[in-house]
Amino acid sequence: MLGLESVLVKPLLTEKTSKETETYNRYAFVVDIKANKNHIKNAVEKFFDVKVLNVRTSVLPGKTKRAGKGFKKTAKSKKAYVQLQDGQKIEFFKGI
């Protein structure tokens, strides 16, 4: 069982996610690979004090990388796109 503190790893801040935030009020997070949609929704609502409409997730497979003469595989990760109700927002950088 996952604790709510370990569900959200970090916010995902890219040009694509910034555009989705402005257009659809949707935020992206890197989450724990074992977290499901209910865990993610509860964690976002608790930590940011907002109301979540829906959650979309995607699992990114690990990549094969060169390491000297051999190959190594990186770990897989999971992203979550969280859509909030109209009029609500999350401020990652307060006071800037």
Protein backbone atom coordinates (compact mmCIF):
# COMPACT_ATOMS: atom_id res chain seq x y z
CA MET A 1 0.00 0.00 0.00
CA LEU A 2 1.31 3.40 -0.96
CA GLY A 3 1.26 6.38 1.36
CA LEU A 4 -0.05 9.63 -0.12
CA GLU A 5 3.36 11.24 0.41
CA SER A 6 5.10 8.78 -1.93
CA VAL A 7 2.58 8.87 -4.80
CA LEU A 8 3.66 12.15 -6.43
CA VAL A 9 7.35 12.16 -7.37
CA LYS A 10 7.60 15.56 -9.09
CA PRO A 11 5.64 17.90 -11.35
CA LEU A 12 6.35 17.60 -15.06
CA LEU A 13 7.07 21.08 -16.45
CA THR A 14 7.57 21.12 -20.21
CA GLU A 15 6.30 23.26 -23.07
CA LYS A 16 3.64 20.67 -23.90
CA THR A 17 2.33 20.47 -20.34
CA SER A 18 2.37 24.27 -20.00
CA LYS A 19 0.18 24.55 -23.10
CA GLU A 20 -2.23 21.92 -21.72
CA THR A 21 -2.38 23.81 -18.42
CA GLU A 22 -3.37 27.03 -20.17
CA THR A 23 -5.86 25.38 -22.55
CA TYR A 24 -7.49 22.56 -20.56
CA ASN A 25 -6.52 23.27 -16.92
CA ARG A 26 -4.60 19.97 -16.94
CA TYR A 27 -1.38 19.41 -14.95
CA ALA A 28 1.22 16.66 -15.39
CA PHE A 29 3.11 14.76 -12.70
CA VAL A 30 5.66 11.96 -12.58
CA VAL A 31 4.14 9.43 -10.19
CA ASP A 32 5.11 6.16 -8.54
CA ILE A 33 4.84 3.20 -10.90
CA LYS A 34 2.50 1.35 -8.47
CA ALA A 35 0.08 4.28 -8.00
CA ASN A 36 -3.40 3.98 -9.48
CA LYS A 37 -5.79 6.77 -10.48
CA ASN A 38 -7.52 6.88 -7.09
CA HIS A 39 -4.18 7.25 -5.25
CA ILE A 40 -3.16 10.08 -7.60
CA LYS A 41 -6.49 11.90 -7.27
CA ASN A 42 -6.43 11.70 -3.45
CA ALA A 43 -2.81 12.88 -3.26
CA VAL A 44 -3.37 15.91 -5.52
CA GLU A 45 -6.56 16.91 -3.69
CA LYS A 46 -4.84 16.63 -0.31
CA PHE A 47 -1.56 18.41 -1.09
CA PHE A 48 -2.84 21.21 -3.35
CA ASP A 49 -6.38 21.65 -1.93
CA VAL A 50 -8.12 21.48 -5.33
CA LYS A 51 -10.95 19.43 -6.86
CA VAL A 52 -9.85 16.87 -9.50
CA LEU A 53 -12.19 16.07 -12.40
CA ASN A 54 -10.29 13.22 -14.04
CA VAL A 55 -6.89 11.52 -14.15
CA ARG A 56 -5.15 10.03 -17.17
CA THR A 57 -2.05 7.89 -16.77
CA SER A 58 0.61 6.50 -19.08
CA VAL A 59 3.47 4.10 -18.40
CA LEU A 60 6.72 4.88 -20.20
CA PRO A 61 8.83 1.77 -20.87
CA GLY A 62 12.51 1.73 -19.97
CA LYS A 63 15.06 2.50 -22.67
CA THR A 64 18.12 0.47 -23.65
CA LYS A 65 21.33 2.51 -23.29
CA ARG A 66 24.95 1.84 -24.18
CA ALA A 67 27.25 1.30 -21.20
CA GLY A 68 30.79 0.62 -22.38
CA LYS A 69 30.77 -2.57 -24.41
CA GLY A 70 27.39 -3.72 -23.16
CA PHE A 71 23.88 -2.46 -22.79
CA LYS A 72 21.78 -1.50 -19.78
CA LYS A 73 18.09 -0.84 -19.46
CA THR A 74 16.73 2.21 -17.64
CA ALA A 75 13.77 1.90 -15.29
CA LYS A 76 10.23 2.45 -16.52
CA SER A 77 8.26 5.42 -15.23
CA LYS A 78 4.67 6.62 -15.03
CA LYS A 79 3.10 9.99 -15.89
CA ALA A 80 -0.27 11.28 -14.76
CA TYR A 81 -2.30 14.08 -16.34
CA VAL A 82 -4.68 15.60 -13.78
CA GLN A 83 -7.54 17.85 -14.90
CA LEU A 84 -8.95 20.33 -12.37
CA GLN A 85 -12.31 22.07 -12.16
CA ASP A 86 -12.67 25.46 -13.86
CA GLY A 87 -11.37 28.33 -11.77
CA GLN A 88 -8.89 26.24 -9.78
CA LYS A 89 -5.15 26.11 -10.33
CA ILE A 90 -1.93 24.81 -8.84
CA GLU A 91 0.97 27.20 -8.30
CA PHE A 92 4.30 25.40 -8.34
CA PHE A 93 6.36 28.59 -8.01
CA LYS A 94 4.80 30.96 -5.47
CA GLY A 95 6.09 34.51 -5.31
CA ILE A 96 7.90 34.49 -8.66
